[in-house]
Amino acid sequence: MKPNARVFGILFGIGCIALLLVLYKTQNQMAETKADVDADITKQFKHQTSKWKLNAEKNLDGPLKDLRQQGQVVLPEKDVIQKMSISEAFKTYHSYLDNVDMLCKRKLRIGNLGDGGWEICDDAEYRPVKPCIVYSFGISNDFSFDDTTAKNYECDVFSFDPSMALASYQRSPRVRFLRLGIGGRDSKSGSWDLHTLTSFKTMLNHTGKFIDVLKMDVESSEWPALPNMISSGELSKVRQLLVEYHGPCTTRNDCILKLNILKDIYDKGFRKFYVHKNFHCVLNNDLFPVIRTFCYEIHYVNINIQ
């Protein structure tokens, strides 16, 4: 190689190394600058957040002060419930039923958009998978939930209502209607035959089987029926529970009784993923600062069954 070419090669190599060093230093400086900017933004955000929280904490003396202090959205233990005043129990009952415990990523409205339709959680952990069983208590001549569930999930649906002027019959290949009602014990109420969930499962050869969805809209019969389901162990074999709770809860004893039942349901693993206030049951009460209902449609999944 000629001397001039050798010198040129050496100088070119030195130039490349110098350029790389400059680029490396520039990149480091940019990274440090970005880190400083990010840290400053984070600091400002934390300052703004803490300032907002501070302002929120100062805003305890407004019209919602008593509600926030007394209306619990997470139910306490039963010994605490037992000591509640009427104000605390009423506010907790209506606060708890108006708020969810968990997120269902895909809810599907099954049946009519108004009365008669209900939400099913379609998340993979909870959705009905055939062969599946659905019990639907309280039809009032609206089979939209039952028919649509049978069609879309291919479940065997058993529809119950003693108040309808229909004899028991096979409505479709997957939907069977029985002119019977749910209760806290096997009994007769006028012309109505009422049975416990255990008795229905025995009657239908479902003893020991899981019920994928149990829906109840039974005009206050849920309150005696649910304790029986809990004590018999049948509720623990229900994957999704859809129930309309009726009653204004206007006396202390009534509120505490209902809160204890709700606490038992929670302790069995049921979590609310959707709630709806039925507008046909408007309730205004001086104990609560905003309009309420005495008909809450509550949708649960059982987190103990997946």
C-alpha atoms as a PDB file:
ATOM      1  CA  MET A   1       0.000   0.000   0.000  1.00  0.00           C
ATOM      2  CA  LYS A   2       1.233   3.471  -0.856  1.00  0.00           C
ATOM      3  CA  PRO A   3       2.147   5.777   2.080  1.00  0.00           C
ATOM      4  CA  ASN A   4      -0.555   8.296   1.197  1.00  0.00           C
ATOM      5  CA  ALA A   5      -3.247   5.614   1.130  1.00  0.00           C
ATOM      6  CA  ARG A   6      -2.048   4.221   4.493  1.00  0.00           C
ATOM      7  CA  VAL A   7      -2.210   7.666   6.100  1.00  0.00           C
ATOM      8  CA  PHE A   8      -5.670   8.275   4.649  1.00  0.00           C
ATOM      9  CA  GLY A   9      -6.906   4.936   6.034  1.00  0.00           C
ATOM     10  CA  ILE A  10      -5.599   5.761   9.507  1.00  0.00           C
ATOM     11  CA  LEU A  11      -7.186   9.210   9.479  1.00  0.00           C
ATOM     12  CA  PHE A  12     -10.509   7.780   8.236  1.00  0.00           C
ATOM     13  CA  GLY A  13     -10.526   5.222  11.074  1.00  0.00           C
ATOM     14  CA  ILE A  14      -9.786   7.881  13.673  1.00  0.00           C
ATOM     15  CA  GLY A  15     -12.597  10.031  12.240  1.00  0.00           C
ATOM     16  CA  CYS A  16     -15.100   7.171  12.473  1.00  0.00           C
ATOM     17  CA  ILE A  17     -14.148   6.480  16.088  1.00  0.00           C
ATOM     18  CA  ALA A  18     -14.498  10.167  16.936  1.00  0.00           C
ATOM     19  CA  LEU A  19     -17.923  10.309  15.277  1.00  0.00           C
ATOM     20  CA  LEU A  20     -19.112   7.274  17.224  1.00  0.00           C
ATOM     21  CA  LEU A  21     -17.940   8.842  20.472  1.00  0.00           C
ATOM     22  CA  VAL A  22     -19.827  12.059  19.680  1.00  0.00           C
ATOM     23  CA  LEU A  23     -23.017  10.125  18.824  1.00  0.00           C
ATOM     24  CA  TYR A  24     -22.738   8.038  22.016  1.00  0.00           C
ATOM     25  CA  LYS A  25     -22.280  11.144  24.149  1.00  0.00           C
ATOM     26  CA  THR A  26     -25.214  12.899  22.449  1.00  0.00           C
ATOM     27  CA  GLN A  27     -27.471   9.883  22.977  1.00  0.00           C
ATOM     28  CA  ASN A  28     -26.574   9.736  26.660  1.00  0.00           C
ATOM     29  CA  GLN A  29     -27.269  13.437  27.056  1.00  0.00           C
ATOM     30  CA  MET A  30     -30.678  13.030  25.354  1.00  0.00           C
ATOM     31  CA  ALA A  31     -31.537  10.076  27.597  1.00  0.00           C
ATOM     32  CA  GLU A  32     -30.553  12.050  30.698  1.00  0.00           C
ATOM     33  CA  THR A  33     -32.622  15.016  29.539  1.00  0.00           C
ATOM     34  CA  LYS A  34     -35.647  12.767  28.891  1.00  0.00           C
ATOM     35  CA  ALA A  35     -35.255  11.167  32.321  1.00  0.00           C
ATOM     36  CA  ASP A  36     -35.148  14.618  33.916  1.00  0.00           C
ATOM     37  CA  VAL A  37     -38.292  15.664  32.016  1.00  0.00           C
ATOM     38  CA  ASP A  38     -40.103  12.440  32.966  1.00  0.00           C
ATOM     39  CA  ALA A  39     -39.132  12.885  36.598  1.00  0.00           C
ATOM     40  CA  ASP A  40     -40.359  16.483  36.533  1.00  0.00           C
ATOM     41  CA  ILE A  41     -43.689  15.444  34.959  1.00  0.00           C
ATOM     42  CA  THR A  42     -44.098  12.649  37.513  1.00  0.00           C
ATOM     43  CA  LYS A  43     -43.341  15.074  40.313  1.00  0.00           C
ATOM     44  CA  GLN A  44     -45.894  17.547  38.978  1.00  0.00           C
ATOM     45  CA  PHE A  45     -48.501  14.806  38.559  1.00  0.00           C
ATOM     46  CA  LYS A  46     -47.970  13.553  42.093  1.00  0.00           C
ATOM     47  CA  HIS A  47     -48.257  17.104  43.345  1.00  0.00           C
ATOM     48  CA  GLN A  48     -51.481  17.622  41.421  1.00  0.00           C
ATOM     49  CA  THR A  49     -52.856  14.256  42.592  1.00  0.00           C
ATOM     50  CA  SER A  50     -52.046  14.917  46.224  1.00  0.00           C
ATOM     51  CA  LYS A  51     -53.504  18.402  45.902  1.00  0.00           C
ATOM     52  CA  TRP A  52     -56.710  16.984  44.404  1.00  0.00           C
ATOM     53  CA  LYS A  53     -56.898  14.347  47.148  1.00  0.00           C
ATOM     54  CA  LEU A  54     -56.351  16.990  49.767  1.00  0.00           C
ATOM     55  CA  ASN A  55     -59.173  19.079  48.343  1.00  0.00           C
ATOM     56  CA  ALA A  56     -61.416  15.983  48.242  1.00  0.00           C
ATOM     57  CA  GLU A  57     -60.646  15.223  51.874  1.00  0.00           C
ATOM     58  CA  LYS A  58     -61.564  18.777  52.800  1.00  0.00           C
ATOM     59  CA  ASN A  59     -64.916  18.345  51.055  1.00  0.00           C
ATOM     60  CA  LEU A  60     -66.347  16.142  53.807  1.00  0.00           C
ATOM     61  CA  ASP A  61     -68.787  18.698  55.127  1.00  0.00           C
ATOM     62  CA  GLY A  62     -70.976  18.828  52.018  1.00  0.00           C
ATOM     63  CA  PRO A  63     -74.459  17.349  51.536  1.00  0.00           C
ATOM     64  CA  LEU A  64     -73.021  13.827  51.024  1.00  0.00           C
ATOM     65  CA  LYS A  65     -71.014  13.768  54.260  1.00  0.00           C
ATOM     66  CA  ASP A  66     -73.326  11.445  56.219  1.00  0.00           C
ATOM     67  CA  LEU A  67     -73.797   9.126  53.251  1.00  0.00           C
ATOM     68  CA  ARG A  68     -70.040   8.648  52.819  1.00  0.00           C
ATOM     69  CA  GLN A  69     -69.597   7.985  56.519  1.00  0.00           C
ATOM     70  CA  GLN A  70     -72.565   5.667  57.050  1.00  0.00           C
ATOM     71  CA  GLY A  71     -73.344   4.127  53.656  1.00  0.00           C
ATOM     72  CA  GLN A  72     -70.850   1.301  53.316  1.00  0.00           C
ATOM     73  CA  VAL A  73     -70.283  -0.181  49.864  1.00  0.00           C
ATOM     74  CA  VAL A  74     -68.350  -3.135  51.330  1.00  0.00           C
ATOM     75  CA  LEU A  75     -70.394  -5.021  53.893  1.00  0.00           C
ATOM     76  CA  PRO A  76     -68.832  -5.240  57.357  1.00  0.00           C
ATOM     77  CA  GLU A  77     -68.958  -8.310  59.588  1.00  0.00           C
ATOM     78  CA  LYS A  78     -72.306  -9.334  61.057  1.00  0.00           C
ATOM     79  CA  ASP A  79     -71.513  -8.109  64.560  1.00  0.00           C
ATOM     80  CA  VAL A  80     -71.022  -4.619  63.110  1.00  0.00           C
ATOM     81  CA  ILE A  81     -74.225  -4.892  61.072  1.00  0.00           C
ATOM     82  CA  GLN A  82     -76.130  -5.911  64.193  1.00  0.00           C
ATOM     83  CA  LYS A  83     -75.166  -2.668  65.948  1.00  0.00           C
ATOM     84  CA  MET A  84     -76.154  -0.345  63.102  1.00  0.00           C
ATOM     85  CA  SER A  85     -78.726   2.385  63.606  1.00  0.00           C
ATOM     86  CA  ILE A  86     -81.626   2.668  61.151  1.00  0.00           C
ATOM     87  CA  SER A  87     -79.748   5.456  59.362  1.00  0.00           C
ATOM     88  CA  GLU A  88     -76.550   3.386  59.010  1.00  0.00           C
ATOM     89  CA  ALA A  89     -78.396   0.229  57.971  1.00  0.00           C
ATOM     90  CA  PHE A  90     -80.601   2.015  55.425  1.00  0.00           C
ATOM     91  CA  LYS A  91     -77.688   3.873  53.844  1.00  0.00           C
ATOM     92  CA  THR A  92     -75.536   0.763  53.748  1.00  0.00           C
ATOM     93  CA  TYR A  93     -78.304  -1.349  52.185  1.00  0.00           C
ATOM     94  CA  HIS A  94     -78.900   1.120  49.366  1.00  0.00           C
ATOM     95  CA  SER A  95     -75.205   1.928  48.884  1.00  0.00           C
ATOM     96  CA  TYR A  96     -74.135  -1.716  48.760  1.00  0.00           C
ATOM     97  CA  LEU A  97     -76.795  -2.781  46.268  1.00  0.00           C
ATOM     98  CA  ASP A  98     -76.052   0.168  43.983  1.00  0.00           C
ATOM     99  CA  ASN A  99     -72.353  -0.672  43.474  1.00  0.00           C
ATOM    100  CA  VAL A 100     -70.454  -3.535  41.840  1.00  0.00           C
ATOM    101  CA  ASP A 101     -67.693  -5.664  43.357  1.00  0.00           C
ATOM    102  CA  MET A 102     -65.905  -6.710  40.174  1.00  0.00           C
ATOM    103  CA  LEU A 103     -65.624  -6.181  36.431  1.00  0.00           C
ATOM    104  CA  CYS A 104     -67.191  -8.544  33.928  1.00  0.00           C
ATOM    105  CA  LYS A 105     -65.446  -7.726  30.640  1.00  0.00           C
ATOM    106  CA  ARG A 106     -68.297  -8.933  28.414  1.00  0.00           C
ATOM    107  CA  LYS A 107     -71.896  -8.627  29.608  1.00  0.00           C
ATOM    108  CA  LEU A 108     -74.686  -9.762  27.325  1.00  0.00           C
ATOM    109  CA  ARG A 109     -78.270  -8.602  27.674  1.00  0.00           C
ATOM    110  CA  ILE A 110     -80.353 -11.732  27.355  1.00  0.00           C
ATOM    111  CA  GLY A 111     -84.012 -11.084  26.640  1.00  0.00           C
ATOM    112  CA  ASN A 112     -85.856  -7.775  26.490  1.00  0.00           C
ATOM    113  CA  LEU A 113     -84.115  -4.481  27.194  1.00  0.00           C
ATOM    114  CA  GLY A 114     -86.751  -3.583  29.773  1.00  0.00           C
ATOM    115  CA  ASP A 115     -88.439  -5.907  32.242  1.00  0.00           C
ATOM    116  CA  GLY A 116     -87.858  -9.556  31.440  1.00  0.00           C
ATOM    117  CA  GLY A 117     -84.263  -9.227  30.239  1.00  0.00           C
ATOM    118  CA  TRP A 118     -81.155  -9.879  32.346  1.00  0.00           C
ATOM    119  CA  GLU A 119     -77.396  -9.614  31.944  1.00  0.00           C
ATOM    120  CA  ILE A 120     -75.195 -12.706  31.770  1.00  0.00           C
ATOM    121  CA  CYS A 121     -71.451 -12.499  32.305  1.00  0.00           C
ATOM    122  CA  ASP A 122     -69.933 -14.034  29.176  1.00  0.00           C
ATOM    123  CA  ASP A 123     -66.329 -14.049  30.408  1.00  0.00           C
ATOM    124  CA  ALA A 124     -64.674 -17.432  29.805  1.00  0.00           C
ATOM    125  CA  GLU A 125     -64.436 -18.209  33.531  1.00  0.00           C
ATOM    126  CA  TYR A 126     -68.168 -17.823  34.127  1.00  0.00           C
ATOM    127  CA  ARG A 127     -70.187 -18.241  30.922  1.00  0.00           C
ATOM    128  CA  PRO A 128     -72.629 -21.154  30.593  1.00  0.00           C
ATOM    129  CA  VAL A 129     -71.140 -23.999  28.565  1.00  0.00           C
ATOM    130  CA  LYS A 130     -73.338 -26.846  27.344  1.00  0.00           C
ATOM    131  CA  PRO A 131     -74.507 -29.126  28.735  1.00  0.00           C
ATOM    132  CA  CYS A 132     -75.733 -26.350  31.059  1.00  0.00           C
ATOM    133  CA  ILE A 133     -78.721 -25.899  33.345  1.00  0.00           C
ATOM    134  CA  VAL A 134     -80.642 -22.661  33.925  1.00  0.00           C
ATOM    135  CA  TYR A 135     -83.409 -22.127  36.498  1.00  0.00           C
ATOM    136  CA  SER A 136     -85.619 -19.102  35.878  1.00  0.00           C
ATOM    137  CA  PHE A 137     -88.009 -18.207  38.711  1.00  0.00           C
ATOM    138  CA  GLY A 138     -90.655 -15.573  37.956  1.00  0.00           C
ATOM    139  CA  ILE A 139     -91.784 -15.326  34.333  1.00  0.00           C
ATOM    140  CA  SER A 140     -94.909 -13.160  34.344  1.00  0.00           C
ATOM    141  CA  ASN A 141     -95.677 -14.292  30.766  1.00  0.00           C
ATOM    142  CA  ASP A 142     -92.332 -12.988  29.476  1.00  0.00           C
ATOM    143  CA  PHE A 143     -90.118 -15.852  28.263  1.00  0.00           C
ATOM    144  CA  SER A 144     -87.617 -13.616  26.453  1.00  0.00           C
ATOM    145  CA  PHE A 145     -84.759 -14.381  28.877  1.00  0.00           C
ATOM    146  CA  ASP A 146     -85.507 -18.108  28.911  1.00  0.00           C
ATOM    147  CA  ASP A 147     -85.905 -18.503  25.152  1.00  0.00           C
ATOM    148  CA  THR A 148     -82.829 -16.421  24.309  1.00  0.00           C
ATOM    149  CA  THR A 149     -80.651 -18.212  26.857  1.00  0.00           C
ATOM    150  CA  ALA A 150     -81.688 -21.588  25.446  1.00  0.00           C
ATOM    151  CA  LYS A 151     -80.986 -20.406  21.907  1.00  0.00           C
ATOM    152  CA  ASN A 152     -77.599 -18.743  22.457  1.00  0.00           C
ATOM    153  CA  TYR A 153     -76.054 -20.925  25.151  1.00  0.00           C
ATOM    154  CA  GLU A 154     -77.881 -24.162  24.231  1.00  0.00           C
ATOM    155  CA  CYS A 155     -78.779 -24.701  27.891  1.00  0.00           C
ATOM    156  CA  ASP A 156     -81.707 -26.641  29.274  1.00  0.00           C
ATOM    157  CA  VAL A 157     -83.892 -23.931  30.801  1.00  0.00           C
ATOM    158  CA  PHE A 158     -86.514 -24.579  33.467  1.00  0.00           C
ATOM    159  CA  SER A 159     -89.029 -21.747  33.879  1.00  0.00           C
ATOM    160  CA  PHE A 160     -91.095 -21.474  37.073  1.00  0.00           C
ATOM    161  CA  ASP A 161     -94.111 -19.307  37.921  1.00  0.00           C
ATOM    162  CA  PRO A 162     -97.170 -20.353  39.961  1.00  0.00           C
ATOM    163  CA  SER A 163     -99.020 -17.107  39.189  1.00  0.00           C
ATOM    164  CA  MET A 164     -99.499 -17.714  35.470  1.00  0.00           C
ATOM    165  CA  ALA A 165    -102.696 -19.160  34.030  1.00  0.00           C
ATOM    166  CA  LEU A 166    -100.782 -21.905  32.259  1.00  0.00           C
ATOM    167  CA  ALA A 167    -100.398 -25.578  32.991  1.00  0.00           C
ATOM    168  CA  SER A 168     -96.882 -26.991  33.089  1.00  0.00           C
ATOM    169  CA  TYR A 169     -95.716 -27.794  29.544  1.00  0.00           C
ATOM    170  CA  GLN A 170     -92.689 -28.274  27.310  1.00  0.00           C
ATOM    171  CA  ARG A 171     -92.368 -24.877  25.637  1.00  0.00           C
ATOM    172  CA  SER A 172     -89.559 -25.877  23.230  1.00  0.00           C
ATOM    173  CA  PRO A 173     -86.941 -28.629  23.019  1.00  0.00           C
ATOM    174  CA  ARG A 174     -84.789 -26.771  25.588  1.00  0.00           C
ATOM    175  CA  VAL A 175     -87.355 -24.759  27.604  1.00  0.00           C
ATOM    176  CA  ARG A 176     -89.735 -26.379  30.070  1.00  0.00           C
ATOM    177  CA  PHE A 177     -92.351 -24.419  32.044  1.00  0.00           C
ATOM    178  CA  LEU A 178     -93.530 -25.531  35.491  1.00  0.00           C
ATOM    179  CA  ARG A 179     -96.408 -23.846  37.300  1.00  0.00           C
ATOM    180  CA  LEU A 180     -94.526 -23.941  40.608  1.00  0.00           C
ATOM    181  CA  GLY A 181     -92.770 -21.350  42.750  1.00  0.00           C
ATOM    182  CA  ILE A 182     -89.639 -21.014  44.884  1.00  0.00           C
ATOM    183  CA  GLY A 183     -89.865 -20.633  48.658  1.00  0.00           C
ATOM    184  CA  GLY A 184     -88.007 -21.131  51.897  1.00  0.00           C
ATOM    185  CA  ARG A 185     -89.783 -24.457  52.494  1.00  0.00           C
ATOM    186  CA  ASP A 186     -92.113 -26.833  50.696  1.00  0.00           C
ATOM    187  CA  SER A 187     -95.566 -25.367  51.268  1.00  0.00           C
ATOM    188  CA  LYS A 188     -98.805 -24.243  49.715  1.00  0.00           C
ATOM    189  CA  SER A 189     -99.760 -20.570  49.523  1.00  0.00           C
ATOM    190  CA  GLY A 190    -103.372 -20.402  48.381  1.00  0.00           C
ATOM    191  CA  SER A 191    -103.361 -22.210  45.050  1.00  0.00           C
ATOM    192  CA  TRP A 192     -99.607 -21.914  44.655  1.00  0.00           C
ATOM    193  CA  ASP A 193     -97.243 -24.811  45.223  1.00  0.00           C
ATOM    194  CA  LEU A 194     -93.912 -23.571  46.584  1.00  0.00           C
ATOM    195  CA  HIS A 195     -90.742 -25.638  46.896  1.00  0.00           C
ATOM    196  CA  THR A 196     -87.153 -25.195  47.978  1.00  0.00           C
ATOM    197  CA  LEU A 197     -84.316 -25.314  45.474  1.00  0.00           C
ATOM    198  CA  THR A 198     -83.286 -28.699  46.885  1.00  0.00           C
ATOM    199  CA  SER A 199     -86.754 -30.082  46.189  1.00  0.00           C
ATOM    200  CA  PHE A 200     -86.742 -28.753  42.634  1.00  0.00           C
ATOM    201  CA  LYS A 201     -83.351 -30.325  41.923  1.00  0.00           C
ATOM    202  CA  THR A 202     -84.584 -33.646  43.288  1.00  0.00           C
ATOM    203  CA  MET A 203     -87.777 -33.366  41.228  1.00  0.00           C
ATOM    204  CA  LEU A 204     -85.811 -32.681  38.020  1.00  0.00           C
ATOM    205  CA  ASN A 205     -83.026 -35.233  38.640  1.00  0.00           C
ATOM    206  CA  HIS A 206     -80.445 -32.473  39.139  1.00  0.00           C
ATOM    207  CA  THR A 207     -79.314 -33.483  42.638  1.00  0.00           C
ATOM    208  CA  GLY A 208     -75.618 -32.711  43.065  1.00  0.00           C
ATOM    209  CA  LYS A 209     -75.423 -30.880  39.718  1.00  0.00           C
ATOM    210  CA  PHE A 210     -74.334 -27.276  39.220  1.00  0.00           C
ATOM    211  CA  ILE A 211     -76.813 -24.674  38.010  1.00  0.00           C
ATOM    212  CA  ASP A 212     -75.099 -22.380  35.523  1.00  0.00           C
ATOM    213  CA  VAL A 213     -77.556 -19.494  35.912  1.00  0.00           C
ATOM    214  CA  LEU A 214     -80.265 -19.073  38.540  1.00  0.00           C
ATOM    215  CA  LYS A 215     -82.582 -16.109  37.967  1.00  0.00           C
ATOM    216  CA  MET A 216     -85.156 -14.948  40.519  1.00  0.00           C
ATOM    217  CA  ASP A 217     -87.743 -12.202  40.161  1.00  0.00           C
ATOM    218  CA  VAL A 218     -90.291 -13.457  42.655  1.00  0.00           C
ATOM    219  CA  GLU A 219     -91.729 -10.363  44.370  1.00  0.00           C
ATOM    220  CA  SER A 220     -90.029 -10.685  47.804  1.00  0.00           C
ATOM    221  CA  SER A 221     -90.057 -14.510  47.968  1.00  0.00           C
ATOM    222  CA  GLU A 222     -86.293 -14.246  47.445  1.00  0.00           C
ATOM    223  CA  TRP A 223     -85.837 -13.286  51.095  1.00  0.00           C
ATOM    224  CA  PRO A 224     -87.079 -16.609  52.563  1.00  0.00           C
ATOM    225  CA  ALA A 225     -85.743 -18.650  49.606  1.00  0.00           C
ATOM    226  CA  LEU A 226     -82.130 -17.478  49.747  1.00  0.00           C
ATOM    227  CA  PRO A 227     -81.391 -18.422  53.396  1.00  0.00           C
ATOM    228  CA  ASN A 228     -82.634 -21.943  52.621  1.00  0.00           C
ATOM    229  CA  MET A 229     -80.351 -22.130  49.563  1.00  0.00           C
ATOM    230  CA  ILE A 230     -77.443 -21.022  51.743  1.00  0.00           C
ATOM    231  CA  SER A 231     -78.082 -23.390  54.662  1.00  0.00           C
ATOM    232  CA  SER A 232     -78.704 -26.372  52.347  1.00  0.00           C
ATOM    233  CA  GLY A 233     -75.460 -25.724  50.434  1.00  0.00           C
ATOM    234  CA  GLU A 234     -77.319 -25.428  47.122  1.00  0.00           C
ATOM    235  CA  LEU A 235     -76.282 -21.813  46.526  1.00  0.00           C
ATOM    236  CA  SER A 236     -72.628 -22.892  46.425  1.00  0.00           C
ATOM    237  CA  LYS A 237     -73.497 -24.937  43.310  1.00  0.00           C
ATOM    238  CA  VAL A 238     -74.780 -21.869  41.395  1.00  0.00           C
ATOM    239  CA  ARG A 239     -72.371 -20.175  38.942  1.00  0.00           C
ATOM    240  CA  GLN A 240     -74.342 -16.994  38.239  1.00  0.00           C
ATOM    241  CA  LEU A 241     -77.130 -15.607  40.412  1.00  0.00           C
ATOM    242  CA  LEU A 242     -79.474 -12.980  38.968  1.00  0.00           C
ATOM    243  CA  VAL A 243     -81.974 -11.701  41.507  1.00  0.00           C
ATOM    244  CA  GLU A 244     -84.293  -8.761  41.981  1.00  0.00           C
ATOM    245  CA  TYR A 245     -84.371  -7.712  45.624  1.00  0.00           C
ATOM    246  CA  HIS A 246     -87.694  -6.211  46.678  1.00  0.00           C
ATOM    247  CA  GLY A 247     -88.582  -4.105  49.689  1.00  0.00           C
ATOM    248  CA  PRO A 248     -87.817  -0.555  50.841  1.00  0.00           C
ATOM    249  CA  CYS A 249     -85.883  -1.558  53.984  1.00  0.00           C
ATOM    250  CA  THR A 250     -87.481   1.179  56.067  1.00  0.00           C
ATOM    251  CA  THR A 251     -87.265  -0.357  59.557  1.00  0.00           C
ATOM    252  CA  ARG A 252     -84.074  -1.160  61.416  1.00  0.00           C
ATOM    253  CA  ASN A 253     -84.886  -4.843  61.928  1.00  0.00           C
ATOM    254  CA  ASP A 254     -85.853  -5.306  58.273  1.00  0.00           C
ATOM    255  CA  CYS A 255     -82.668  -3.620  57.043  1.00  0.00           C
ATOM    256  CA  ILE A 256     -80.431  -5.660  59.344  1.00  0.00           C
ATOM    257  CA  LEU A 257     -82.166  -8.904  58.360  1.00  0.00           C
ATOM    258  CA  LYS A 258     -81.607  -8.147  54.679  1.00  0.00           C
ATOM    259  CA  LEU A 259     -77.995  -7.031  55.219  1.00  0.00           C
ATOM    260  CA  ASN A 260     -77.232 -10.297  57.023  1.00  0.00           C
ATOM    261  CA  ILE A 261     -78.570 -12.287  54.070  1.00  0.00           C
ATOM    262  CA  LEU A 262     -76.544 -10.169  51.637  1.00  0.00           C
ATOM    263  CA  LYS A 263     -73.466 -10.732  53.788  1.00  0.00           C
ATOM    264  CA  ASP A 264     -74.023 -14.521  53.710  1.00  0.00           C
ATOM    265  CA  ILE A 265     -74.279 -14.426  49.911  1.00  0.00           C
ATOM    266  CA  TYR A 266     -71.057 -12.423  49.687  1.00  0.00           C
ATOM    267  CA  ASP A 267     -69.276 -14.835  52.026  1.00  0.00           C
ATOM    268  CA  LYS A 268     -70.277 -17.725  49.746  1.00  0.00           C
ATOM    269  CA  GLY A 269     -68.211 -16.120  46.978  1.00  0.00           C
ATOM    270  CA  PHE A 270     -70.814 -14.130  45.059  1.00  0.00           C
ATOM    271  CA  ARG A 271     -69.649 -10.815  43.602  1.00  0.00           C
ATOM    272  CA  LYS A 272     -71.827  -8.195  41.918  1.00  0.00           C
ATOM    273  CA  PHE A 273     -70.796  -7.497  38.316  1.00  0.00           C
ATOM    274  CA  TYR A 274     -73.850  -5.463  37.313  1.00  0.00           C
ATOM    275  CA  VAL A 275     -76.657  -3.680  39.148  1.00  0.00           C
ATOM    276  CA  HIS A 276     -79.786  -1.986  37.874  1.00  0.00           C
ATOM    277  CA  LYS A 277     -82.370   0.109  39.685  1.00  0.00           C
ATOM    278  CA  ASN A 278     -85.880  -0.719  38.519  1.00  0.00           C
ATOM    279  CA  PHE A 279     -87.555   2.620  37.757  1.00  0.00           C
ATOM    280  CA  HIS A 280     -90.998   1.157  38.464  1.00  0.00           C
ATOM    281  CA  CYS A 281     -90.121   1.107  42.186  1.00  0.00           C
ATOM    282  CA  VAL A 282     -89.120   4.725  42.832  1.00  0.00           C
ATOM    283  CA  LEU A 283     -88.219   5.438  46.460  1.00  0.00           C
ATOM    284  CA  ASN A 284     -87.598   8.816  48.046  1.00  0.00           C
ATOM    285  CA  ASN A 285     -86.465   8.824  51.656  1.00  0.00           C
ATOM    286  CA  ASP A 286     -85.083  11.591  53.863  1.00  0.00           C
ATOM    287  CA  LEU A 287     -82.290   9.265  55.028  1.00  0.00           C
ATOM    288  CA  PHE A 288     -80.768   9.149  51.534  1.00  0.00           C
ATOM    289  CA  PRO A 289     -79.834  12.302  49.583  1.00  0.00           C
ATOM    290  CA  VAL A 290     -80.597  10.955  46.082  1.00  0.00           C
ATOM    291  CA  ILE A 291     -83.445   8.988  44.552  1.00  0.00           C
ATOM    292  CA  ARG A 292     -83.535   5.260  45.268  1.00  0.00           C
ATOM    293  CA  THR A 293     -85.547   2.205  44.269  1.00  0.00           C
ATOM    294  CA  PHE A 294     -86.982  -0.643  46.291  1.00  0.00           C
ATOM    295  CA  CYS A 295     -86.375  -3.091  43.411  1.00  0.00           C
ATOM    296  CA  TYR A 296     -82.659  -3.733  42.765  1.00  0.00           C
ATOM    297  CA  GLU A 297     -81.764  -6.135  39.967  1.00  0.00           C
ATOM    298  CA  ILE A 298     -78.446  -7.627  41.057  1.00  0.00           C
ATOM    299  CA  HIS A 299     -76.218  -9.813  38.873  1.00  0.00           C
ATOM    300  CA  TYR A 300     -73.608 -11.995  40.583  1.00  0.00           C
ATOM    301  CA  VAL A 301     -70.911 -14.449  39.589  1.00  0.00           C
ATOM    302  CA  ASN A 302     -69.619 -17.074  42.004  1.00  0.00           C
ATOM    303  CA  ILE A 303     -65.842 -16.581  42.154  1.00  0.00           C
ATOM    304  CA  ASN A 304     -65.484 -19.921  43.959  1.00  0.00           C
ATOM    305  CA  ILE A 305     -66.581 -21.781  40.823  1.00  0.00           C
ATOM    306  CA  GLN A 306     -64.459 -21.303  37.696  1.00  0.00           C
END
